Amino acid sequence: MGFYQDRVLPHLQNLMMRNRQLLPYRERVIGGAEGRVLEVGIGSCLNLPYFSPQVREVIGLEPVPRLVAMARREAAGSSLPLSFIEGSAESIPLDDASIDTVILTWTLCSIPDAELALHEMRRVLRPGGQLLFVEHGRAPEASVQRWQDRLTPAWKRIAGGCHLNRPIHTMIEGNGFDMAQIETGYMKGPKPMTFLYEGRARPR
């Protein structure tokens, strides 16, 4: 599994995340960021072109070393101040109330302890800060939910720990946030993989 996790999986994830269907979601979510930004699961830095002038600094947190290396290459020459932390969202090495915006784009599905990670995001956000997110997760229809539950154990093994069945809305609200805005719906593709949550939450 070492070669797959270290070499193959990061490239597969990068290809999936370059899907053109995802661009409008990126533009909306990333375009709302401001101030000092923490992007959790920055991957290969695909969101970089969508940050607005309202952003003064981006800190990218990423647990996969090869993705960190890819992000550094992607960010080379950018005029936006960027720094990268190779580490886990369950233990964010930043001070309390030091971040204006936390960004999640298709990341919460694969964090092993997502609830602990959300508590950490809440901790580093300043009062009045914002969590901006677009995530796939648990669908509303029982028939699709059954498929998500059946597929998730195998899907986790081949897709870097990705869960198809996490209830994103309730997870965020249950771990220190109030939902300020949310939209849900399917994008094109198999229903168990394509029910999306897009929104903004405030630290409680």
C-alpha atoms as a PDB file:
ATOM      1  CA  MET A   1       0.000   0.000   0.000  1.00  0.00           C
ATOM      2  CA  GLY A   2       2.960   2.368   0.530  1.00  0.00           C
ATOM      3  CA  PHE A   3       3.655   2.956  -3.175  1.00  0.00           C
ATOM      4  CA  TYR A   4      -0.069   3.363  -3.901  1.00  0.00           C
ATOM      5  CA  GLN A   5      -0.602   5.845  -1.068  1.00  0.00           C
ATOM      6  CA  ASP A   6       2.598   7.810  -1.688  1.00  0.00           C
ATOM      7  CA  ARG A   7       2.727   7.846  -5.489  1.00  0.00           C
ATOM      8  CA  VAL A   8      -0.446   6.682  -7.215  1.00  0.00           C
ATOM      9  CA  LEU A   9      -3.216   8.013  -4.961  1.00  0.00           C
ATOM     10  CA  PRO A  10      -2.081  11.676  -4.914  1.00  0.00           C
ATOM     11  CA  HIS A  11      -2.045  11.744  -8.716  1.00  0.00           C
ATOM     12  CA  LEU A  12      -5.472  10.106  -8.978  1.00  0.00           C
ATOM     13  CA  GLN A  13      -6.889  12.591  -6.468  1.00  0.00           C
ATOM     14  CA  ASN A  14      -5.332  15.457  -8.383  1.00  0.00           C
ATOM     15  CA  LEU A  15      -6.907  14.281 -11.651  1.00  0.00           C
ATOM     16  CA  MET A  16     -10.359  13.932 -10.037  1.00  0.00           C
ATOM     17  CA  MET A  17     -10.147  17.371  -8.472  1.00  0.00           C
ATOM     18  CA  ARG A  18      -9.303  18.926 -11.864  1.00  0.00           C
ATOM     19  CA  ASN A  19     -12.768  17.918 -13.134  1.00  0.00           C
ATOM     20  CA  ARG A  20     -14.208  20.967 -14.927  1.00  0.00           C
ATOM     21  CA  GLN A  21     -17.604  20.370 -13.309  1.00  0.00           C
ATOM     22  CA  LEU A  22     -16.053  21.457 -10.021  1.00  0.00           C
ATOM     23  CA  LEU A  23     -14.925  24.891 -11.239  1.00  0.00           C
ATOM     24  CA  PRO A  24     -18.134  26.837 -10.421  1.00  0.00           C
ATOM     25  CA  TYR A  25     -18.088  25.451  -6.890  1.00  0.00           C
ATOM     26  CA  ARG A  26     -14.442  26.435  -6.441  1.00  0.00           C
ATOM     27  CA  GLU A  27     -15.067  29.927  -7.789  1.00  0.00           C
ATOM     28  CA  ARG A  28     -17.967  30.569  -5.416  1.00  0.00           C
ATOM     29  CA  VAL A  29     -16.424  29.082  -2.293  1.00  0.00           C
ATOM     30  CA  ILE A  30     -12.872  30.360  -2.709  1.00  0.00           C
ATOM     31  CA  GLY A  31     -14.096  33.736  -3.923  1.00  0.00           C
ATOM     32  CA  GLY A  32     -15.742  34.329  -0.534  1.00  0.00           C
ATOM     33  CA  ALA A  33     -12.514  33.987   1.442  1.00  0.00           C
ATOM     34  CA  GLU A  34     -10.971  37.009   3.118  1.00  0.00           C
ATOM     35  CA  GLY A  35      -8.176  37.970   5.454  1.00  0.00           C
ATOM     36  CA  ARG A  36      -5.841  35.312   6.785  1.00  0.00           C
ATOM     37  CA  VAL A  37      -6.977  32.001   5.292  1.00  0.00           C
ATOM     38  CA  LEU A  38      -6.399  28.418   6.354  1.00  0.00           C
ATOM     39  CA  GLU A  39      -7.124  25.907   3.604  1.00  0.00           C
ATOM     40  CA  VAL A  40      -7.507  22.459   5.136  1.00  0.00           C
ATOM     41  CA  GLY A  41      -6.466  19.750   2.682  1.00  0.00           C
ATOM     42  CA  ILE A  42      -4.916  22.140   0.197  1.00  0.00           C
ATOM     43  CA  GLY A  43      -3.914  19.227  -2.030  1.00  0.00           C
ATOM     44  CA  SER A  44      -1.950  20.387  -5.065  1.00  0.00           C
ATOM     45  CA  CYS A  45      -3.082  24.030  -4.688  1.00  0.00           C
ATOM     46  CA  LEU A  46      -5.834  23.899  -7.322  1.00  0.00           C
ATOM     47  CA  ASN A  47      -7.805  26.651  -5.554  1.00  0.00           C
ATOM     48  CA  LEU A  48      -5.036  29.227  -5.871  1.00  0.00           C
ATOM     49  CA  PRO A  49      -6.414  31.047  -8.980  1.00  0.00           C
ATOM     50  CA  TYR A  50      -9.764  31.761  -7.286  1.00  0.00           C
ATOM     51  CA  PHE A  51      -8.647  33.763  -4.257  1.00  0.00           C
ATOM     52  CA  SER A  52      -9.786  37.384  -4.355  1.00  0.00           C
ATOM     53  CA  PRO A  53      -7.768  40.493  -3.410  1.00  0.00           C
ATOM     54  CA  GLN A  54      -9.587  40.380  -0.047  1.00  0.00           C
ATOM     55  CA  VAL A  55      -7.204  37.567   0.961  1.00  0.00           C
ATOM     56  CA  ARG A  56      -3.931  38.725   2.468  1.00  0.00           C
ATOM     57  CA  GLU A  57      -2.355  35.332   3.295  1.00  0.00           C
ATOM     58  CA  VAL A  58      -3.049  31.620   2.696  1.00  0.00           C
ATOM     59  CA  ILE A  59      -1.817  28.810   4.923  1.00  0.00           C
ATOM     60  CA  GLY A  60      -2.202  25.378   3.346  1.00  0.00           C
ATOM     61  CA  LEU A  61      -2.552  22.345   5.617  1.00  0.00           C
ATOM     62  CA  GLU A  62      -2.002  18.975   3.952  1.00  0.00           C
ATOM     63  CA  PRO A  63      -1.092  15.540   5.413  1.00  0.00           C
ATOM     64  CA  VAL A  64       0.230  13.957   2.174  1.00  0.00           C
ATOM     65  CA  PRO A  65       3.897  14.853   1.523  1.00  0.00           C
ATOM     66  CA  ARG A  66       3.726  14.478  -2.256  1.00  0.00           C
ATOM     67  CA  LEU A  67       0.699  16.771  -2.434  1.00  0.00           C
ATOM     68  CA  VAL A  68       2.573  19.353  -0.366  1.00  0.00           C
ATOM     69  CA  ALA A  69       5.428  19.160  -2.872  1.00  0.00           C
ATOM     70  CA  MET A  70       2.957  19.566  -5.748  1.00  0.00           C
ATOM     71  CA  ALA A  71       1.361  22.554  -3.998  1.00  0.00           C
ATOM     72  CA  ARG A  72       4.719  24.252  -3.557  1.00  0.00           C
ATOM     73  CA  ARG A  73       5.448  23.879  -7.271  1.00  0.00           C
ATOM     74  CA  GLU A  74       1.978  25.148  -8.211  1.00  0.00           C
ATOM     75  CA  ALA A  75       2.372  28.181  -5.938  1.00  0.00           C
ATOM     76  CA  ALA A  76       5.854  29.142  -7.147  1.00  0.00           C
ATOM     77  CA  GLY A  77       5.812  32.723  -8.375  1.00  0.00           C
ATOM     78  CA  SER A  78       2.430  33.598  -6.880  1.00  0.00           C
ATOM     79  CA  SER A  79       2.132  37.141  -5.580  1.00  0.00           C
ATOM     80  CA  LEU A  80      -0.149  35.936  -2.774  1.00  0.00           C
ATOM     81  CA  PRO A  81       1.723  35.096   0.443  1.00  0.00           C
ATOM     82  CA  LEU A  82       1.477  31.314   0.868  1.00  0.00           C
ATOM     83  CA  SER A  83       2.891  28.910   3.401  1.00  0.00           C
ATOM     84  CA  PHE A  84       2.409  25.180   3.800  1.00  0.00           C
ATOM     85  CA  ILE A  85       2.114  22.926   6.821  1.00  0.00           C
ATOM     86  CA  GLU A  86       2.516  19.183   6.428  1.00  0.00           C
ATOM     87  CA  GLY A  87       0.182  17.934   9.115  1.00  0.00           C
ATOM     88  CA  SER A  88      -3.207  16.755  10.257  1.00  0.00           C
ATOM     89  CA  ALA A  89      -6.451  18.692  10.610  1.00  0.00           C
ATOM     90  CA  GLU A  90      -7.026  16.943  13.939  1.00  0.00           C
ATOM     91  CA  SER A  91      -4.133  18.924  15.423  1.00  0.00           C
ATOM     92  CA  ILE A  92      -3.700  22.271  13.690  1.00  0.00           C
ATOM     93  CA  PRO A  93      -0.437  23.963  14.761  1.00  0.00           C
ATOM     94  CA  LEU A  94      -1.851  27.495  14.808  1.00  0.00           C
ATOM     95  CA  ASP A  95      -2.836  29.833  17.631  1.00  0.00           C
ATOM     96  CA  ASP A  96      -6.399  30.223  18.872  1.00  0.00           C
ATOM     97  CA  ALA A  97      -8.483  32.845  17.025  1.00  0.00           C
ATOM     98  CA  SER A  98      -5.700  33.503  14.500  1.00  0.00           C
ATOM     99  CA  ILE A  99      -7.598  32.800  11.237  1.00  0.00           C
ATOM    100  CA  ASP A 100     -10.293  34.801   9.431  1.00  0.00           C
ATOM    101  CA  THR A 101     -11.448  32.109   6.957  1.00  0.00           C
ATOM    102  CA  VAL A 102     -11.158  28.324   6.960  1.00  0.00           C
ATOM    103  CA  ILE A 103     -11.728  26.604   3.621  1.00  0.00           C
ATOM    104  CA  LEU A 104     -12.782  23.007   2.979  1.00  0.00           C
ATOM    105  CA  THR A 105     -13.164  21.755  -0.597  1.00  0.00           C
ATOM    106  CA  TRP A 106     -13.914  18.029  -0.819  1.00  0.00           C
ATOM    107  CA  THR A 107     -11.798  17.391   2.272  1.00  0.00           C
ATOM    108  CA  LEU A 108     -14.028  16.567   5.253  1.00  0.00           C
ATOM    109  CA  CYS A 109     -14.935  13.217   3.708  1.00  0.00           C
ATOM    110  CA  SER A 110     -11.414  11.855   4.176  1.00  0.00           C
ATOM    111  CA  ILE A 111     -10.287  13.232   7.554  1.00  0.00           C
ATOM    112  CA  PRO A 112     -10.138  10.243   9.940  1.00  0.00           C
ATOM    113  CA  ASP A 113     -11.549  12.114  12.964  1.00  0.00           C
ATOM    114  CA  ALA A 114     -13.675  14.760  11.260  1.00  0.00           C
ATOM    115  CA  GLU A 115     -15.346  15.911  14.486  1.00  0.00           C
ATOM    116  CA  LEU A 116     -12.025  16.604  16.184  1.00  0.00           C
ATOM    117  CA  ALA A 117     -10.867  18.413  13.043  1.00  0.00           C
ATOM    118  CA  LEU A 118     -13.944  20.643  13.093  1.00  0.00           C
ATOM    119  CA  HIS A 119     -13.268  21.499  16.728  1.00  0.00           C
ATOM    120  CA  GLU A 120      -9.732  22.474  15.729  1.00  0.00           C
ATOM    121  CA  MET A 121     -11.042  24.655  12.896  1.00  0.00           C
ATOM    122  CA  ARG A 122     -13.410  26.305  15.353  1.00  0.00           C
ATOM    123  CA  ARG A 123     -10.517  26.916  17.736  1.00  0.00           C
ATOM    124  CA  VAL A 124      -8.287  28.680  15.200  1.00  0.00           C
ATOM    125  CA  LEU A 125     -11.092  30.867  13.791  1.00  0.00           C
ATOM    126  CA  ARG A 126     -11.428  34.342  15.251  1.00  0.00           C
ATOM    127  CA  PRO A 127     -14.830  35.455  16.585  1.00  0.00           C
ATOM    128  CA  GLY A 128     -16.848  36.454  13.531  1.00  0.00           C
ATOM    129  CA  GLY A 129     -14.686  34.352  11.215  1.00  0.00           C
ATOM    130  CA  GLN A 130     -16.095  31.959   8.639  1.00  0.00           C
ATOM    131  CA  LEU A 131     -15.877  28.360   7.493  1.00  0.00           C
ATOM    132  CA  LEU A 132     -16.451  28.099   3.725  1.00  0.00           C
ATOM    133  CA  PHE A 133     -17.038  24.636   2.331  1.00  0.00           C
ATOM    134  CA  VAL A 134     -18.083  22.467  -0.573  1.00  0.00           C
ATOM    135  CA  GLU A 135     -18.220  18.770   0.278  1.00  0.00           C
ATOM    136  CA  HIS A 136     -19.857  15.623  -0.963  1.00  0.00           C
ATOM    137  CA  GLY A 137     -21.776  13.558   1.557  1.00  0.00           C
ATOM    138  CA  ARG A 138     -24.898  11.802   2.668  1.00  0.00           C
ATOM    139  CA  ALA A 139     -27.805  12.112   0.233  1.00  0.00           C
ATOM    140  CA  PRO A 140     -31.412  12.726   1.364  1.00  0.00           C
ATOM    141  CA  GLU A 141     -32.976   9.696  -0.342  1.00  0.00           C
ATOM    142  CA  ALA A 142     -32.996   6.420   1.604  1.00  0.00           C
ATOM    143  CA  SER A 143     -32.244   4.400  -1.523  1.00  0.00           C
ATOM    144  CA  VAL A 144     -29.093   6.420  -2.232  1.00  0.00           C
ATOM    145  CA  GLN A 145     -28.088   6.331   1.437  1.00  0.00           C
ATOM    146  CA  ARG A 146     -28.196   2.527   1.365  1.00  0.00           C
ATOM    147  CA  TRP A 147     -25.772   2.487  -1.567  1.00  0.00           C
ATOM    148  CA  GLN A 148     -23.516   5.015   0.145  1.00  0.00           C
ATOM    149  CA  ASP A 149     -23.389   2.844   3.264  1.00  0.00           C
ATOM    150  CA  ARG A 150     -22.670  -0.287   1.221  1.00  0.00           C
ATOM    151  CA  LEU A 151     -19.960   1.312  -0.885  1.00  0.00           C
ATOM    152  CA  THR A 152     -18.138   3.336   1.765  1.00  0.00           C
ATOM    153  CA  PRO A 153     -16.047   0.523   3.353  1.00  0.00           C
ATOM    154  CA  ALA A 154     -14.496  -0.425  -0.006  1.00  0.00           C
ATOM    155  CA  TRP A 155     -14.416   3.163  -1.254  1.00  0.00           C
ATOM    156  CA  LYS A 156     -12.371   4.242   1.782  1.00  0.00           C
ATOM    157  CA  ARG A 157      -9.695   1.693   0.920  1.00  0.00           C
ATOM    158  CA  ILE A 158      -9.276   2.800  -2.687  1.00  0.00           C
ATOM    159  CA  ALA A 159      -9.916   6.545  -2.283  1.00  0.00           C
ATOM    160  CA  GLY A 160      -7.655   7.658   0.539  1.00  0.00           C
ATOM    161  CA  GLY A 161     -10.128   7.231   3.399  1.00  0.00           C
ATOM    162  CA  CYS A 162     -12.982   9.025   1.631  1.00  0.00           C
ATOM    163  CA  HIS A 163     -16.439   8.461   3.155  1.00  0.00           C
ATOM    164  CA  LEU A 164     -19.452   8.727   0.857  1.00  0.00           C
ATOM    165  CA  ASN A 165     -21.991   8.862   3.686  1.00  0.00           C
ATOM    166  CA  ARG A 166     -20.973  11.637   6.081  1.00  0.00           C
ATOM    167  CA  PRO A 167     -23.842  14.033   6.970  1.00  0.00           C
ATOM    168  CA  ILE A 168     -21.879  17.204   6.350  1.00  0.00           C
ATOM    169  CA  HIS A 169     -24.528  19.695   7.447  1.00  0.00           C
ATOM    170  CA  THR A 170     -25.170  18.103  10.836  1.00  0.00           C
ATOM    171  CA  MET A 171     -21.471  17.388  11.418  1.00  0.00           C
ATOM    172  CA  ILE A 172     -20.571  21.047  11.012  1.00  0.00           C
ATOM    173  CA  GLU A 173     -23.466  22.291  13.150  1.00  0.00           C
ATOM    174  CA  GLY A 174     -22.769  19.670  15.809  1.00  0.00           C
ATOM    175  CA  ASN A 175     -19.158  20.738  16.272  1.00  0.00           C
ATOM    176  CA  GLY A 176     -19.154  24.403  17.167  1.00  0.00           C
ATOM    177  CA  PHE A 177     -20.665  26.157  14.147  1.00  0.00           C
ATOM    178  CA  ASP A 178     -23.909  27.853  13.155  1.00  0.00           C
ATOM    179  CA  MET A 179     -24.915  27.515   9.521  1.00  0.00           C
ATOM    180  CA  ALA A 180     -25.187  30.922   7.851  1.00  0.00           C
ATOM    181  CA  GLN A 181     -25.849  29.638   4.339  1.00  0.00           C
ATOM    182  CA  ILE A 182     -26.152  26.231   2.705  1.00  0.00           C
ATOM    183  CA  GLU A 183     -27.180  24.787  -0.645  1.00  0.00           C
ATOM    184  CA  THR A 184     -27.399  21.110  -1.483  1.00  0.00           C
ATOM    185  CA  GLY A 185     -27.967  19.040  -4.603  1.00  0.00           C
ATOM    186  CA  TYR A 186     -26.513  16.544  -7.023  1.00  0.00           C
ATOM    187  CA  MET A 187     -23.909  17.306  -9.610  1.00  0.00           C
ATOM    188  CA  LYS A 188     -23.644  15.158 -12.728  1.00  0.00           C
ATOM    189  CA  GLY A 189     -22.539  11.591 -12.010  1.00  0.00           C
ATOM    190  CA  PRO A 190     -23.444   8.551  -9.884  1.00  0.00           C
ATOM    191  CA  LYS A 191     -25.734   9.658  -7.069  1.00  0.00           C
ATOM    192  CA  PRO A 192     -23.836   7.955  -4.206  1.00  0.00           C
ATOM    193  CA  MET A 193     -20.756  10.057  -5.077  1.00  0.00           C
ATOM    194  CA  THR A 194     -22.254  13.361  -6.172  1.00  0.00           C
ATOM    195  CA  PHE A 195     -24.561  14.831  -3.515  1.00  0.00           C
ATOM    196  CA  LEU A 196     -22.927  18.140  -2.577  1.00  0.00           C
ATOM    197  CA  TYR A 197     -23.152  20.538   0.346  1.00  0.00           C
ATOM    198  CA  GLU A 198     -21.979  24.103  -0.301  1.00  0.00           C
ATOM    199  CA  GLY A 199     -22.109  26.860   2.260  1.00  0.00           C
ATOM    200  CA  ARG A 200     -20.807  29.151   4.951  1.00  0.00           C
ATOM    201  CA  ALA A 201     -20.762  28.611   8.715  1.00  0.00           C
ATOM    202  CA  ARG A 202     -19.810  30.842  11.627  1.00  0.00           C
ATOM    203  CA  PRO A 203     -18.059  29.764  14.829  1.00  0.00           C
ATOM    204  CA  ARG A 204     -20.504  29.562  17.704  1.00  0.00           C
END
